[in-house]
């Protein structure tokens, strides 16, 4: 078990918690009561940040752990840190305007793809060498 990979996992969960709290705050601020999912455009952007982040975490977290196990835990954690930075940039930009989300989206998706492809190669090499 890698403490670096565990740290990145914990920080990504903490980021998700903060983003989720932001949705609750936006609901109150823009008066969009549950179960409504639409309303003020500012609320909808905050909600999309949360929804897109959880969608991305489904790919990111397993790829992070598999990469860290089969390739290298320090490199996995480094790519995970890049993913986290990308998600923060994504959220910050999207909160301001939908057009400002792309840089963070590209950074975090790049990191996820590197982790996923690295995990795949690591698994295949492990099978070949066993």
Protein backbone atom coordinates (compact mmCIF):
# COMPACT_ATOMS: atom_id res chain seq x y z
CA UNK A 1 0.00 0.00 0.00
CA UNK A 2 1.44 3.34 -1.07
CA UNK A 3 1.14 6.30 1.30
CA UNK A 4 1.49 8.68 -1.68
CA UNK A 5 -1.34 7.03 -3.58
CA UNK A 6 -3.40 6.99 -0.38
CA UNK A 7 -2.71 10.70 0.13
CA UNK A 8 -3.82 11.59 -3.40
CA UNK A 9 -6.94 9.45 -2.99
CA UNK A 10 -7.77 11.18 0.29
CA UNK A 11 -7.18 14.64 -1.21
CA UNK A 12 -9.39 13.82 -4.20
CA UNK A 13 -12.16 12.72 -1.84
CA UNK A 14 -11.70 15.90 0.17
CA UNK A 15 -11.92 17.95 -3.04
CA UNK A 16 -15.15 16.14 -3.91
CA UNK A 17 -16.53 16.88 -0.45
CA UNK A 18 -15.79 20.61 -0.87
CA UNK A 19 -17.38 20.61 -4.33
CA UNK A 20 -20.46 18.86 -2.91
CA UNK A 21 -20.72 21.43 -0.11
CA UNK A 22 -20.54 24.13 -2.78
CA UNK A 23 -23.64 22.64 -4.42
CA UNK A 24 -25.55 22.92 -1.14
CA UNK A 25 -24.40 26.50 -0.71
CA UNK A 26 -25.40 27.32 -4.31
CA UNK A 27 -28.84 25.77 -3.75
CA UNK A 28 -29.41 28.15 -0.86
CA UNK A 29 -27.90 31.16 -2.62
CA UNK A 30 -29.86 30.72 -5.86
CA UNK A 31 -32.99 29.26 -4.21
CA UNK A 32 -32.97 25.97 -6.10
CA UNK A 33 -34.62 23.56 -3.69
CA UNK A 34 -34.22 19.77 -3.89
CA UNK A 35 -35.12 17.80 -5.93
CA UNK A 36 -34.77 20.51 -8.58
CA UNK A 37 -31.67 20.15 -10.74
CA UNK A 38 -32.18 23.25 -12.85
CA UNK A 39 -32.78 26.91 -12.22
CA UNK A 40 -30.33 29.74 -12.11
CA UNK A 41 -27.43 29.25 -14.55
CA UNK A 42 -24.93 29.97 -11.77
CA UNK A 43 -26.37 27.08 -9.76
CA UNK A 44 -26.31 24.78 -12.77
CA UNK A 45 -22.59 25.42 -13.31
CA UNK A 46 -21.81 24.56 -9.68
CA UNK A 47 -23.89 21.39 -10.01
CA UNK A 48 -22.12 20.42 -13.26
CA UNK A 49 -18.76 20.73 -11.53
CA UNK A 50 -19.92 18.22 -8.92
CA UNK A 51 -21.49 15.85 -11.43
CA UNK A 52 -18.54 15.94 -13.81
CA UNK A 53 -16.06 15.43 -10.97
CA UNK A 54 -17.79 12.27 -9.74
CA UNK A 55 -18.01 11.03 -13.34
CA UNK A 56 -14.25 11.57 -13.72
CA UNK A 57 -13.44 9.97 -10.36
CA UNK A 58 -14.95 6.67 -11.55
CA UNK A 59 -12.14 6.49 -14.12
CA UNK A 60 -9.42 8.28 -12.18
CA UNK A 61 -9.35 6.37 -8.87
CA UNK A 62 -9.05 2.81 -10.21
CA UNK A 63 -6.53 3.95 -12.83
CA UNK A 64 -4.50 5.69 -10.11
CA UNK A 65 -4.34 2.58 -7.93
CA UNK A 66 -3.67 0.11 -10.74
CA UNK A 67 -0.94 2.35 -12.18
CA UNK A 68 0.58 2.78 -8.72
CA UNK A 69 0.59 -0.96 -8.11
CA UNK A 70 1.91 -2.17 -11.46
CA UNK A 71 4.04 0.79 -12.61
CA UNK A 72 5.24 3.11 -9.86
CA UNK A 73 3.46 4.57 -6.85
CA UNK A 74 5.42 7.83 -6.82
CA UNK A 75 4.75 8.48 -10.51
CA UNK A 76 1.13 7.49 -9.98
CA UNK A 77 0.82 9.96 -7.13
CA UNK A 78 2.47 12.67 -9.24
CA UNK A 79 -0.04 12.10 -12.05
CA UNK A 80 -2.78 12.06 -9.42
CA UNK A 81 -1.58 15.42 -8.10
CA UNK A 82 -1.77 16.78 -11.65
CA UNK A 83 -5.34 15.45 -11.85
CA UNK A 84 -6.21 17.25 -8.61
CA UNK A 85 -4.74 20.52 -9.85
CA UNK A 86 -6.68 20.11 -13.08
CA UNK A 87 -9.93 19.53 -11.19
CA UNK A 88 -9.39 22.64 -9.05
CA UNK A 89 -8.69 24.73 -12.17
CA UNK A 90 -11.75 23.16 -13.82
CA UNK A 91 -14.01 23.98 -10.89
CA UNK A 92 -12.66 27.50 -10.44
CA UNK A 93 -13.11 28.26 -14.13
CA UNK A 94 -16.54 26.66 -14.47
CA UNK A 95 -17.84 28.51 -11.43
CA UNK A 96 -17.06 31.74 -13.29
CA UNK A 97 -18.25 30.79 -16.80
CA UNK A 98 -18.73 27.58 -18.77
CA UNK A 99 -16.11 28.66 -21.32
CA UNK A 100 -13.43 28.84 -18.62
CA UNK A 101 -13.56 25.15 -17.71
CA UNK A 102 -11.57 23.71 -20.62
CA UNK A 103 -7.99 24.13 -19.38
CA UNK A 104 -8.74 22.26 -16.14
CA UNK A 105 -10.74 19.65 -18.02
CA UNK A 106 -7.83 19.00 -20.41
CA UNK A 107 -5.28 18.79 -17.57
CA UNK A 108 -7.33 16.31 -15.52
CA UNK A 109 -8.32 14.21 -18.54
CA UNK A 110 -4.71 14.05 -19.73
CA UNK A 111 -3.70 12.76 -16.30
CA UNK A 112 -6.48 10.16 -16.30
CA UNK A 113 -5.51 8.90 -19.76
CA UNK A 114 -1.83 8.60 -18.76
CA UNK A 115 -2.82 6.66 -15.63
CA UNK A 116 -5.21 4.42 -17.55
CA UNK A 117 -2.77 3.61 -20.35
CA UNK A 118 0.06 3.12 -17.87
CA UNK A 119 -2.13 0.79 -15.82
CA UNK A 120 -2.96 -1.22 -18.92
CA UNK A 121 0.69 -1.52 -19.97
CA UNK A 122 1.72 -2.37 -16.39
CA UNK A 123 -0.89 -5.13 -16.18
CA UNK A 124 0.09 -6.59 -19.54
CA UNK A 125 3.82 -6.53 -18.71
CA UNK A 126 3.09 -8.20 -15.38
CA UNK A 127 1.20 -10.97 -17.15
CA UNK A 128 3.94 -11.44 -19.74
CA UNK A 129 6.65 -11.67 -17.07
CA UNK A 130 4.78 -14.12 -14.84
